[in-house]
Amino acid sequence: MTDQSHQVDFQAAAHLYKWPSLNNSRREDRAPYMVVNGTLDQCIRDFMGKPEKTRHLYEIRTKSQPPLVPDVLSPEHVIELSRLREFL
Protein backbone atom coordinates (compact mmCIF):
# COMPACT_ATOMS: atom_id res chain seq x y z
CA MET A 1 0.00 0.00 0.00
CA THR A 2 1.39 3.43 -0.92
CA ASP A 3 1.18 6.51 1.24
CA GLN A 4 -0.55 9.16 -0.90
CA SER A 5 0.50 11.95 1.49
CA HIS A 6 4.18 11.39 0.61
CA GLN A 7 3.87 11.39 -3.17
CA VAL A 8 5.22 14.31 -5.18
CA ASP A 9 3.32 15.72 -8.17
CA PHE A 10 6.16 16.38 -10.60
CA GLN A 11 3.61 17.75 -13.12
CA ALA A 12 2.65 20.61 -10.79
CA ALA A 13 3.21 24.13 -12.10
CA ALA A 14 6.60 25.54 -11.13
CA HIS A 15 9.02 28.34 -11.95
CA LEU A 16 12.82 28.33 -11.95
CA TYR A 17 14.30 31.62 -10.74
CA LYS A 18 17.85 32.92 -10.92
CA TRP A 19 19.28 35.48 -8.56
CA PRO A 20 21.34 38.26 -10.10
CA SER A 21 24.95 37.73 -9.11
CA LEU A 22 28.26 39.46 -8.71
CA ASN A 23 31.44 37.37 -8.50
CA ASN A 24 29.27 34.22 -8.33
CA SER A 25 27.45 35.50 -5.22
CA ARG A 26 23.77 36.33 -4.95
CA ARG A 27 22.90 40.01 -5.13
CA GLU A 28 20.50 40.21 -2.20
CA ASP A 29 19.74 43.82 -3.16
CA ARG A 30 18.14 42.59 -6.41
CA ALA A 31 15.10 40.41 -7.02
CA PRO A 32 15.45 37.01 -8.69
CA TYR A 33 14.02 36.66 -12.18
CA MET A 34 12.18 33.77 -13.81
CA VAL A 35 14.09 31.68 -16.35
CA VAL A 36 11.67 28.74 -16.74
CA ASN A 37 7.88 28.60 -16.48
CA GLY A 38 6.78 24.97 -16.61
CA THR A 39 6.30 21.88 -14.47
CA LEU A 40 8.24 20.88 -11.37
CA ASP A 41 9.83 18.09 -13.42
CA GLN A 42 10.95 20.50 -16.15
CA CYS A 43 12.34 22.98 -13.62
CA ILE A 44 14.27 20.23 -11.83
CA ARG A 45 15.75 19.03 -15.14
CA ASP A 46 16.74 22.56 -16.14
CA PHE A 47 18.25 23.20 -12.70
CA MET A 48 20.27 19.97 -12.81
CA GLY A 49 21.58 21.01 -16.25
CA LYS A 50 23.18 24.13 -14.75
CA PRO A 51 26.87 24.01 -13.80
CA GLU A 52 27.22 22.77 -10.23
CA LYS A 53 29.23 25.83 -9.20
CA THR A 54 26.33 28.16 -10.13
CA ARG A 55 23.37 26.19 -8.76
CA HIS A 56 23.32 28.22 -5.55
CA LEU A 57 22.05 31.13 -7.66
CA TYR A 58 18.80 29.29 -8.52
CA GLU A 59 15.59 28.35 -6.73
CA ILE A 60 12.33 26.72 -7.77
CA ARG A 61 8.98 28.10 -6.70
CA THR A 62 5.89 25.88 -6.76
CA LYS A 63 2.77 25.09 -4.77
CA SER A 64 3.73 23.50 -1.47
CA GLN A 65 3.29 19.71 -1.26
CA PRO A 66 3.86 18.90 2.42
CA PRO A 67 5.90 17.30 3.81
CA LEU A 68 8.37 16.86 0.93
CA VAL A 69 7.99 19.99 -1.22
CA PRO A 70 8.02 23.52 0.23
CA ASP A 71 6.82 26.47 -1.88
CA VAL A 72 10.42 27.65 -2.44
CA LEU A 73 12.96 24.94 -3.15
CA SER A 74 16.59 25.61 -2.30
CA PRO A 75 19.32 24.00 -4.40
CA GLU A 76 19.64 21.28 -1.74
CA HIS A 77 15.91 20.48 -1.95
CA VAL A 78 16.06 20.34 -5.75
CA ILE A 79 18.97 17.89 -5.69
CA GLU A 80 17.12 15.62 -3.25
CA LEU A 81 13.92 15.76 -5.34
CA SER A 82 15.95 14.95 -8.44
CA ARG A 83 17.27 11.84 -6.70
CA LEU A 84 13.75 10.90 -5.59
CA ARG A 85 12.41 11.40 -9.12
CA GLU A 86 15.13 9.14 -10.57
CA PHE A 87 14.44 6.52 -7.90
CA LEU A 88 10.72 6.48 -8.72
PDB file of N, CA and C in Angstrom:
ATOM      1  N   MET A   1       0.841  -1.178   0.000  1.00  0.00           N
ATOM      2  CA  MET A   1       0.000   0.000   0.000  1.00  0.00           C
ATOM      3  C   MET A   1       0.891   1.248   0.000  1.00  0.00           C
ATOM      4  N   THR A   2       0.586   2.215  -0.849  1.00  0.00           N
ATOM      5  CA  THR A   2       1.395   3.432  -0.923  1.00  0.00           C
ATOM      6  C   THR A   2       0.790   4.523  -0.066  1.00  0.00           C
ATOM      7  N   ASP A   3       1.610   5.386   0.429  1.00  0.00           N
ATOM      8  CA  ASP A   3       1.180   6.512   1.242  1.00  0.00           C
ATOM      9  C   ASP A   3       1.000   7.717   0.336  1.00  0.00           C
ATOM     10  N   GLN A   4      -0.245   8.067   0.014  1.00  0.00           N
ATOM     11  CA  GLN A   4      -0.550   9.161  -0.899  1.00  0.00           C
ATOM     12  C   GLN A   4      -0.037  10.509  -0.382  1.00  0.00           C
ATOM     13  N   SER A   5       0.083  10.664   0.937  1.00  0.00           N
ATOM     14  CA  SER A   5       0.505  11.949   1.490  1.00  0.00           C
ATOM     15  C   SER A   5       1.985  12.227   1.256  1.00  0.00           C
ATOM     16  N   HIS A   6       2.760  11.207   0.841  1.00  0.00           N
ATOM     17  CA  HIS A   6       4.184  11.394   0.612  1.00  0.00           C
ATOM     18  C   HIS A   6       4.559  11.313  -0.858  1.00  0.00           C
ATOM     19  N   GLN A   7       3.582  11.388  -1.746  1.00  0.00           N
ATOM     20  CA  GLN A   7       3.874  11.386  -3.171  1.00  0.00           C
ATOM     21  C   GLN A   7       4.066  12.818  -3.647  1.00  0.00           C
ATOM     22  N   VAL A   8       4.930  12.991  -4.631  1.00  0.00           N
ATOM     23  CA  VAL A   8       5.218  14.309  -5.183  1.00  0.00           C
ATOM     24  C   VAL A   8       4.611  14.393  -6.575  1.00  0.00           C
ATOM     25  N   ASP A   9       3.885  15.477  -6.839  1.00  0.00           N
ATOM     26  CA  ASP A   9       3.320  15.724  -8.165  1.00  0.00           C
ATOM     27  C   ASP A   9       4.357  16.481  -8.982  1.00  0.00           C
ATOM     28  N   PHE A  10       5.115  15.755  -9.799  1.00  0.00           N
ATOM     29  CA  PHE A  10       6.158  16.377 -10.604  1.00  0.00           C
ATOM     30  C   PHE A  10       5.581  17.136 -11.803  1.00  0.00           C
ATOM     31  N   GLN A  11       4.268  17.003 -12.039  1.00  0.00           N
ATOM     32  CA  GLN A  11       3.614  17.745 -13.118  1.00  0.00           C
ATOM     33  C   GLN A  11       2.988  19.047 -12.621  1.00  0.00           C
ATOM     34  N   ALA A  12       3.163  19.354 -11.346  1.00  0.00           N
ATOM     35  CA  ALA A  12       2.648  20.607 -10.787  1.00  0.00           C
ATOM     36  C   ALA A  12       3.350  21.803 -11.432  1.00  0.00           C
ATOM     37  N   ALA A  13       2.629  22.903 -11.550  1.00  0.00           N
ATOM     38  CA  ALA A  13       3.208  24.133 -12.099  1.00  0.00           C
ATOM     39  C   ALA A  13       4.362  24.602 -11.214  1.00  0.00           C
ATOM     40  N   ALA A  14       5.426  25.072 -11.867  1.00  0.00           N
ATOM     41  CA  ALA A  14       6.602  25.542 -11.129  1.00  0.00           C
ATOM     42  C   ALA A  14       7.358  26.558 -11.970  1.00  0.00           C
ATOM     43  N   HIS A  15       8.223  27.312 -11.297  1.00  0.00           N
ATOM     44  CA  HIS A  15       9.019  28.340 -11.954  1.00  0.00           C
ATOM     45  C   HIS A  15      10.441  28.268 -11.420  1.00  0.00           C
ATOM     46  N   LEU A  16      11.407  28.292 -12.326  1.00  0.00           N
ATOM     47  CA  LEU A  16      12.816  28.330 -11.946  1.00  0.00           C
ATOM     48  C   LEU A  16      13.266  29.787 -11.977  1.00  0.00           C
ATOM     49  N   TYR A  17      13.816  30.239 -10.863  1.00  0.00           N
ATOM     50  CA  TYR A  17      14.298  31.622 -10.743  1.00  0.00           C
ATOM     51  C   TYR A  17      15.807  31.638 -10.590  1.00  0.00           C
ATOM     52  N   LYS A  18      16.409  32.694 -11.087  1.00  0.00           N
ATOM     53  CA  LYS A  18      17.852  32.919 -10.922  1.00  0.00           C
ATOM     54  C   LYS A  18      18.042  34.251 -10.220  1.00  0.00           C
ATOM     55  N   TRP A  19      18.911  34.244  -9.241  1.00  0.00           N
ATOM     56  CA  TRP A  19      19.280  35.477  -8.556  1.00  0.00           C
ATOM     57  C   TRP A  19      20.355  36.193  -9.360  1.00  0.00           C
ATOM     58  N   PRO A  20      20.233  37.512  -9.514  1.00  0.00           N
ATOM     59  CA  PRO A  20      21.345  38.262 -10.105  1.00  0.00           C
ATOM     60  C   PRO A  20      22.584  38.028  -9.240  1.00  0.00           C
ATOM     61  N   SER A  21      23.741  38.042  -9.872  1.00  0.00           N
ATOM     62  CA  SER A  21      24.949  37.729  -9.114  1.00  0.00           C
ATOM     63  C   SER A  21      26.087  38.685  -9.450  1.00  0.00           C
ATOM     64  N   LEU A  22      27.030  38.716  -8.537  1.00  0.00           N
ATOM     65  CA  LEU A  22      28.264  39.465  -8.708  1.00  0.00           C
ATOM     66  C   LEU A  22      29.364  38.589  -8.122  1.00  0.00           C
ATOM     67  N   ASN A  23      30.360  38.258  -8.932  1.00  0.00           N
ATOM     68  CA  ASN A  23      31.440  37.367  -8.499  1.00  0.00           C
ATOM     69  C   ASN A  23      30.903  36.038  -7.971  1.00  0.00           C
ATOM     70  N   ASN A  24      29.891  35.493  -8.662  1.00  0.00           N
ATOM     71  CA  ASN A  24      29.270  34.222  -8.334  1.00  0.00           C
ATOM     72  C   ASN A  24      28.605  34.208  -6.959  1.00  0.00           C
ATOM     73  N   SER A  25      28.187  35.381  -6.478  1.00  0.00           N
ATOM     74  CA  SER A  25      27.448  35.503  -5.221  1.00  0.00           C
ATOM     75  C   SER A  25      26.116  36.172  -5.500  1.00  0.00           C
ATOM     76  N   ARG A  26      25.082  35.723  -4.789  1.00  0.00           N
ATOM     77  CA  ARG A  26      23.765  36.329  -4.951  1.00  0.00           C
ATOM     78  C   ARG A  26      23.799  37.818  -4.612  1.00  0.00           C
ATOM     79  N   ARG A  27      23.104  38.586  -5.421  1.00  0.00           N
ATOM     80  CA  ARG A  27      22.900  40.010  -5.126  1.00  0.00           C
ATOM     81  C   ARG A  27      21.598  40.116  -4.356  1.00  0.00           C
ATOM     82  N   GLU A  28      21.690  40.160  -3.050  1.00  0.00           N
ATOM     83  CA  GLU A  28      20.500  40.214  -2.200  1.00  0.00           C
ATOM     84  C   GLU A  28      19.740  41.534  -2.358  1.00  0.00           C
ATOM     85  N   ASP A  29      20.401  42.533  -2.948  1.00  0.00           N
ATOM     86  CA  ASP A  29      19.739  43.825  -3.159  1.00  0.00           C
ATOM     87  C   ASP A  29      18.916  43.840  -4.448  1.00  0.00           C
ATOM     88  N   ARG A  30      18.900  42.729  -5.159  1.00  0.00           N
ATOM     89  CA  ARG A  30      18.137  42.595  -6.414  1.00  0.00           C
ATOM     90  C   ARG A  30      17.171  41.428  -6.292  1.00  0.00           C
ATOM     91  N   ALA A  31      16.088  41.491  -7.027  1.00  0.00           N
ATOM     92  CA  ALA A  31      15.097  40.413  -7.016  1.00  0.00           C
ATOM     93  C   ALA A  31      15.492  39.332  -8.031  1.00  0.00           C
ATOM     94  N   PRO A  32      15.192  38.067  -7.712  1.00  0.00           N
ATOM     95  CA  PRO A  32      15.450  37.014  -8.692  1.00  0.00           C
ATOM     96  C   PRO A  32      14.491  37.150  -9.866  1.00  0.00           C
ATOM     97  N   TYR A  33      14.881  36.598 -11.002  1.00  0.00           N
ATOM     98  CA  TYR A  33      14.022  36.663 -12.182  1.00  0.00           C
ATOM     99  C   TYR A  33      13.766  35.253 -12.705  1.00  0.00           C
ATOM    100  N   MET A  34      12.583  35.073 -13.324  1.00  0.00           N
ATOM    101  CA  MET A  34      12.176  33.766 -13.810  1.00  0.00           C
ATOM    102  C   MET A  34      12.920  33.409 -15.090  1.00  0.00           C
ATOM    103  N   VAL A  35      13.434  32.165 -15.144  1.00  0.00           N
ATOM    104  CA  VAL A  35      14.091  31.676 -16.352  1.00  0.00           C
ATOM    105  C   VAL A  35      13.333  30.513 -16.983  1.00  0.00           C
ATOM    106  N   VAL A  36      12.485  29.831 -16.202  1.00  0.00           N
ATOM    107  CA  VAL A  36      11.666  28.739 -16.735  1.00  0.00           C
ATOM    108  C   VAL A  36      10.284  28.806 -16.096  1.00  0.00           C
ATOM    109  N   ASN A  37       9.263  28.683 -16.935  1.00  0.00           N
ATOM    110  CA  ASN A  37       7.879  28.597 -16.481  1.00  0.00           C
ATOM    111  C   ASN A  37       7.354  27.278 -17.012  1.00  0.00           C
ATOM    112  N   GLY A  38       7.197  26.284 -16.141  1.00  0.00           N
ATOM    113  CA  GLY A  38       6.777  24.968 -16.609  1.00  0.00           C
ATOM    114  C   GLY A  38       6.309  24.098 -15.466  1.00  0.00           C
ATOM    115  N   THR A  39       6.662  22.822 -15.527  1.00  0.00           N
ATOM    116  CA  THR A  39       6.305  21.875 -14.474  1.00  0.00           C
ATOM    117  C   THR A  39       7.470  21.731 -13.495  1.00  0.00           C
ATOM    118  N   LEU A  40       7.177  21.144 -12.354  1.00  0.00           N
ATOM    119  CA  LEU A  40       8.237  20.876 -11.375  1.00  0.00           C
ATOM    120  C   LEU A  40       9.303  19.986 -11.997  1.00  0.00           C
ATOM    121  N   ASP A  41       8.883  18.982 -12.750  1.00  0.00           N
ATOM    122  CA  ASP A  41       9.835  18.087 -13.418  1.00  0.00           C
ATOM    123  C   ASP A  41      10.743  18.864 -14.371  1.00  0.00           C
ATOM    124  N   GLN A  42      10.164  19.712 -15.192  1.00  0.00           N
ATOM    125  CA  GLN A  42      10.951  20.497 -16.153  1.00  0.00           C
ATOM    126  C   GLN A  42      11.923  21.425 -15.434  1.00  0.00           C
ATOM    127  N   CYS A  43      11.468  22.073 -14.367  1.00  0.00           N
ATOM    128  CA  CYS A  43      12.341  22.983 -13.623  1.00  0.00           C
ATOM    129  C   CYS A  43      13.493  22.229 -12.959  1.00  0.00           C
ATOM    130  N   ILE A  44      13.211  21.036 -12.438  1.00  0.00           N
ATOM    131  CA  ILE A  44      14.271  20.227 -11.833  1.00  0.00           C
ATOM    132  C   ILE A  44      15.298  19.841 -12.889  1.00  0.00           C
ATOM    133  N   ARG A  45      14.832  19.415 -14.053  1.00  0.00           N
ATOM    134  CA  ARG A  45      15.751  19.029 -15.135  1.00  0.00           C
ATOM    135  C   ARG A  45      16.613  20.219 -15.579  1.00  0.00           C
ATOM    136  N   ASP A  46      15.982  21.379 -15.741  1.00  0.00           N
ATOM    137  CA  ASP A  46      16.743  22.565 -16.145  1.00  0.00           C
ATOM    138  C   ASP A  46      17.756  22.954 -15.070  1.00  0.00           C
ATOM    139  N   PHE A  47      17.342  22.892 -13.803  1.00  0.00           N
ATOM    140  CA  PHE A  47      18.253  23.204 -12.700  1.00  0.00           C
ATOM    141  C   PHE A  47      19.453  22.262 -12.706  1.00  0.00           C
ATOM    142  N   MET A  48      19.188  20.963 -12.846  1.00  0.00           N
ATOM    143  CA  MET A  48      20.270  19.973 -12.807  1.00  0.00           C
ATOM    144  C   MET A  48      21.196  20.117 -14.010  1.00  0.00           C
ATOM    145  N   GLY A  49      20.736  20.762 -15.076  1.00  0.00           N
ATOM    146  CA  GLY A  49      21.576  21.008 -16.246  1.00  0.00           C
ATOM    147  C   GLY A  49      22.504  22.202 -16.078  1.00  0.00           C
ATOM    148  N   LYS A  50      22.315  22.968 -15.016  1.00  0.00           N
ATOM    149  CA  LYS A  50      23.184  24.129 -14.750  1.00  0.00           C
ATOM    150  C   LYS A  50      24.510  23.645 -14.174  1.00  0.00           C
ATOM    151  N   PRO A  51      25.582  24.381 -14.408  1.00  0.00           N
ATOM    152  CA  PRO A  51      26.867  24.011 -13.805  1.00  0.00           C
ATOM    153  C   PRO A  51      26.747  23.964 -12.275  1.00  0.00           C
ATOM    154  N   GLU A  52      27.322  22.951 -11.683  1.00  0.00           N
ATOM    155  CA  GLU A  52      27.215  22.765 -10.231  1.00  0.00           C
ATOM    156  C   GLU A  52      27.669  23.998  -9.454  1.00  0.00           C
ATOM    157  N   LYS A  53      28.695  24.674  -9.945  1.00  0.00           N
ATOM    158  CA  LYS A  53      29.231  25.831  -9.204  1.00  0.00           C
ATOM    159  C   LYS A  53      28.314  27.047  -9.244  1.00  0.00           C
ATOM    160  N   THR A  54      27.264  27.024 -10.072  1.00  0.00           N
ATOM    161  CA  THR A  54      26.332  28.163 -10.129  1.00  0.00           C
ATOM    162  C   THR A  54      24.943  27.825  -9.604  1.00  0.00           C
ATOM    163  N   ARG A  55      24.713  26.598  -9.193  1.00  0.00           N
ATOM    164  CA  ARG A  55      23.370  26.186  -8.760  1.00  0.00           C
ATOM    165  C   ARG A  55      22.861  26.957  -7.548  1.00  0.00           C
ATOM    166  N   HIS A  56      23.752  27.465  -6.733  1.00  0.00           N
ATOM    167  CA  HIS A  56      23.322  28.220  -5.552  1.00  0.00           C
ATOM    168  C   HIS A  56      22.618  29.531  -5.931  1.00  0.00           C
ATOM    169  N   LEU A  57      22.696  29.908  -7.198  1.00  0.00           N
ATOM    170  CA  LEU A  57      22.048  31.132  -7.664  1.00  0.00           C
ATOM    171  C   LEU A  57      20.598  30.900  -8.098  1.00  0.00           C
ATOM    172  N   TYR A  58      20.130  29.646  -8.027  1.00  0.00           N
ATOM    173  CA  TYR A  58      18.795  29.291  -8.519  1.00  0.00           C
ATOM    174  C   TYR A  58      17.898  28.796  -7.400  1.00  0.00           C
ATOM    175  N   GLU A  59      16.588  28.940  -7.613  1.00  0.00           N
ATOM    176  CA  GLU A  59      15.592  28.348  -6.728  1.00  0.00           C
ATOM    177  C   GLU A  59      14.358  28.035  -7.563  1.00  0.00           C
ATOM    178  N   ILE A  60      13.586  27.068  -7.106  1.00  0.00           N
ATOM    179  CA  ILE A  60      12.332  26.717  -7.769  1.00  0.00           C
ATOM    180  C   ILE A  60      11.198  27.109  -6.851  1.00  0.00           C
ATOM    181  N   ARG A  61      10.184  27.722  -7.445  1.00  0.00           N
ATOM    182  CA  ARG A  61       8.980  28.098  -6.703  1.00  0.00           C
ATOM    183  C   ARG A  61       7.808  27.315  -7.271  1.00  0.00           C
ATOM    184  N   THR A  62       7.035  26.714  -6.378  1.00  0.00           N
ATOM    185  CA  THR A  62       5.894  25.882  -6.759  1.00  0.00           C
ATOM    186  C   THR A  62       4.904  25.859  -5.615  1.00  0.00           C
ATOM    187  N   LYS A  63       3.753  25.247  -5.842  1.00  0.00           N
ATOM    188  CA  LYS A  63       2.775  25.089  -4.771  1.00  0.00           C
ATOM    189  C   LYS A  63       3.309  24.063  -3.787  1.00  0.00           C
ATOM    190  N   SER A  64       3.234  24.383  -2.518  1.00  0.00           N
ATOM    191  CA  SER A  64       3.726  23.499  -1.468  1.00  0.00           C
ATOM    192  C   SER A  64       3.021  22.144  -1.529  1.00  0.00           C
ATOM    193  N   GLN A  65       3.803  21.076  -1.327  1.00  0.00           N
ATOM    194  CA  GLN A  65       3.286  19.710  -1.259  1.00  0.00           C
ATOM    195  C   GLN A  65       3.852  19.054   0.008  1.00  0.00           C
ATOM    196  N   PRO A  66       3.324  19.435   1.176  1.00  0.00           N
ATOM    197  CA  PRO A  66       3.864  18.900   2.419  1.00  0.00           C
ATOM    198  C   PRO A  66       3.817  17.372   2.446  1.00  0.00           C
ATOM    199  N   PRO A  67       4.768  16.740   3.070  1.00  0.00           N
ATOM    200  CA  PRO A  67       5.895  17.296   3.806  1.00  0.00           C
ATOM    201  C   PRO A  67       7.176  17.388   2.963  1.00  0.00           C
ATOM    202  N   LEU A  68       7.131  16.963   1.704  1.00  0.00           N
ATOM    203  CA  LEU A  68       8.367  16.859   0.927  1.00  0.00           C
ATOM    204  C   LEU A  68       8.723  18.083   0.094  1.00  0.00           C
ATOM    205  N   VAL A  69       7.731  18.885  -0.302  1.00  0.00           N
ATOM    206  CA  VAL A  69       7.995  19.986  -1.224  1.00  0.00           C
ATOM    207  C   VAL A  69       7.506  21.307  -0.629  1.00  0.00           C
ATOM    208  N   PRO A  70       8.430  22.190  -0.226  1.00  0.00           N
ATOM    209  CA  PRO A  70       8.020  23.519   0.228  1.00  0.00           C
ATOM    210  C   PRO A  70       7.711  24.408  -0.983  1.00  0.00           C
ATOM    211  N   ASP A  71       7.168  25.590  -0.756  1.00  0.00           N
ATOM    212  CA  ASP A  71       6.820  26.474  -1.880  1.00  0.00           C
ATOM    213  C   ASP A  71       8.036  27.096  -2.550  1.00  0.00           C
ATOM    214  N   VAL A  72       9.163  27.196  -1.844  1.00  0.00           N
ATOM    215  CA  VAL A  72      10.416  27.650  -2.443  1.00  0.00           C
ATOM    216  C   VAL A  72      11.466  26.579  -2.172  1.00  0.00           C
ATOM    217  N   LEU A  73      11.984  26.021  -3.261  1.00  0.00           N
ATOM    218  CA  LEU A  73      12.962  24.935  -3.150  1.00  0.00           C
ATOM    219  C   LEU A  73      14.376  25.486  -3.271  1.00  0.00           C
ATOM    220  N   SER A  74      15.172  25.239  -2.261  1.00  0.00           N
ATOM    221  CA  SER A  74      16.586  25.605  -2.298  1.00  0.00           C
ATOM    222  C   SER A  74      17.317  24.629  -3.205  1.00  0.00           C
ATOM    223  N   PRO A  75      18.537  24.945  -3.593  1.00  0.00           N
ATOM    224  CA  PRO A  75      19.318  23.999  -4.399  1.00  0.00           C
ATOM    225  C   PRO A  75      19.419  22.612  -3.748  1.00  0.00           C
ATOM    226  N   GLU A  76      19.543  22.557  -2.437  1.00  0.00           N
ATOM    227  CA  GLU A  76      19.644  21.276  -1.741  1.00  0.00           C
ATOM    228  C   GLU A  76      18.357  20.472  -1.894  1.00  0.00           C
ATOM    229  N   HIS A  77      17.196  21.156  -1.767  1.00  0.00           N
ATOM    230  CA  HIS A  77      15.908  20.483  -1.954  1.00  0.00           C
ATOM    231  C   HIS A  77      15.783  19.940  -3.377  1.00  0.00           C
ATOM    232  N   VAL A  78      16.187  20.747  -4.347  1.00  0.00           N
ATOM    233  CA  VAL A  78      16.065  20.340  -5.749  1.00  0.00           C
ATOM    234  C   VAL A  78      16.897  19.090  -6.019  1.00  0.00           C
ATOM    235  N   ILE A  79      18.101  19.051  -5.492  1.00  0.00           N
ATOM    236  CA  ILE A  79      18.967  17.891  -5.691  1.00  0.00           C
ATOM    237  C   ILE A  79      18.339  16.639  -5.082  1.00  0.00           C
ATOM    238  N   GLU A  80      17.772  16.766  -3.893  1.00  0.00           N
ATOM    239  CA  GLU A  80      17.118  15.622  -3.252  1.00  0.00           C
ATOM    240  C   GLU A  80      15.888  15.177  -4.043  1.00  0.00           C
ATOM    241  N   LEU A  81      15.092  16.126  -4.537  1.00  0.00           N
ATOM    242  CA  LEU A  81      13.924  15.762  -5.344  1.00  0.00           C
ATOM    243  C   LEU A  81      14.339  15.117  -6.661  1.00  0.00           C
ATOM    244  N   SER A  82      15.439  15.559  -7.218  1.00  0.00           N
ATOM    245  CA  SER A  82      15.950  14.946  -8.441  1.00  0.00           C
ATOM    246  C   SER A  82      16.309  13.484  -8.188  1.00  0.00           C
ATOM    247  N   ARG A  83      16.938  13.220  -7.065  1.00  0.00           N
ATOM    248  CA  ARG A  83      17.275  11.836  -6.696  1.00  0.00           C
ATOM    249  C   ARG A  83      16.016  11.010  -6.490  1.00  0.00           C
ATOM    250  N   LEU A  84      15.030  11.586  -5.810  1.00  0.00           N
ATOM    251  CA  LEU A  84      13.752  10.897  -5.586  1.00  0.00           C
ATOM    252  C   LEU A  84      13.074  10.596  -6.919  1.00  0.00           C
ATOM    253  N   ARG A  85      13.046  11.570  -7.806  1.00  0.00           N
ATOM    254  CA  ARG A  85      12.407  11.404  -9.116  1.00  0.00           C
ATOM    255  C   ARG A  85      13.073  10.270  -9.884  1.00  0.00           C
ATOM    256  N   GLU A  86      14.411  10.209  -9.868  1.00  0.00           N
ATOM    257  CA  GLU A  86      15.129   9.145 -10.566  1.00  0.00           C
ATOM    258  C   GLU A  86      14.865   7.782  -9.931  1.00  0.00           C
ATOM    259  N   PHE A  87      14.706   7.762  -8.608  1.00  0.00           N
ATOM    260  CA  PHE A  87      14.435   6.521  -7.895  1.00  0.00           C
ATOM    261  C   PHE A  87      13.069   5.975  -8.262  1.00  0.00           C
ATOM    262  N   LEU A  88      12.092   6.895  -8.406  1.00  0.00           N
ATOM    263  CA  LEU A  88      10.717   6.478  -8.719  1.00  0.00           C
ATOM    264  C   LEU A  88      10.603   6.113 -10.176  1.00  0.00           C
TER     265      LEU A  88
END
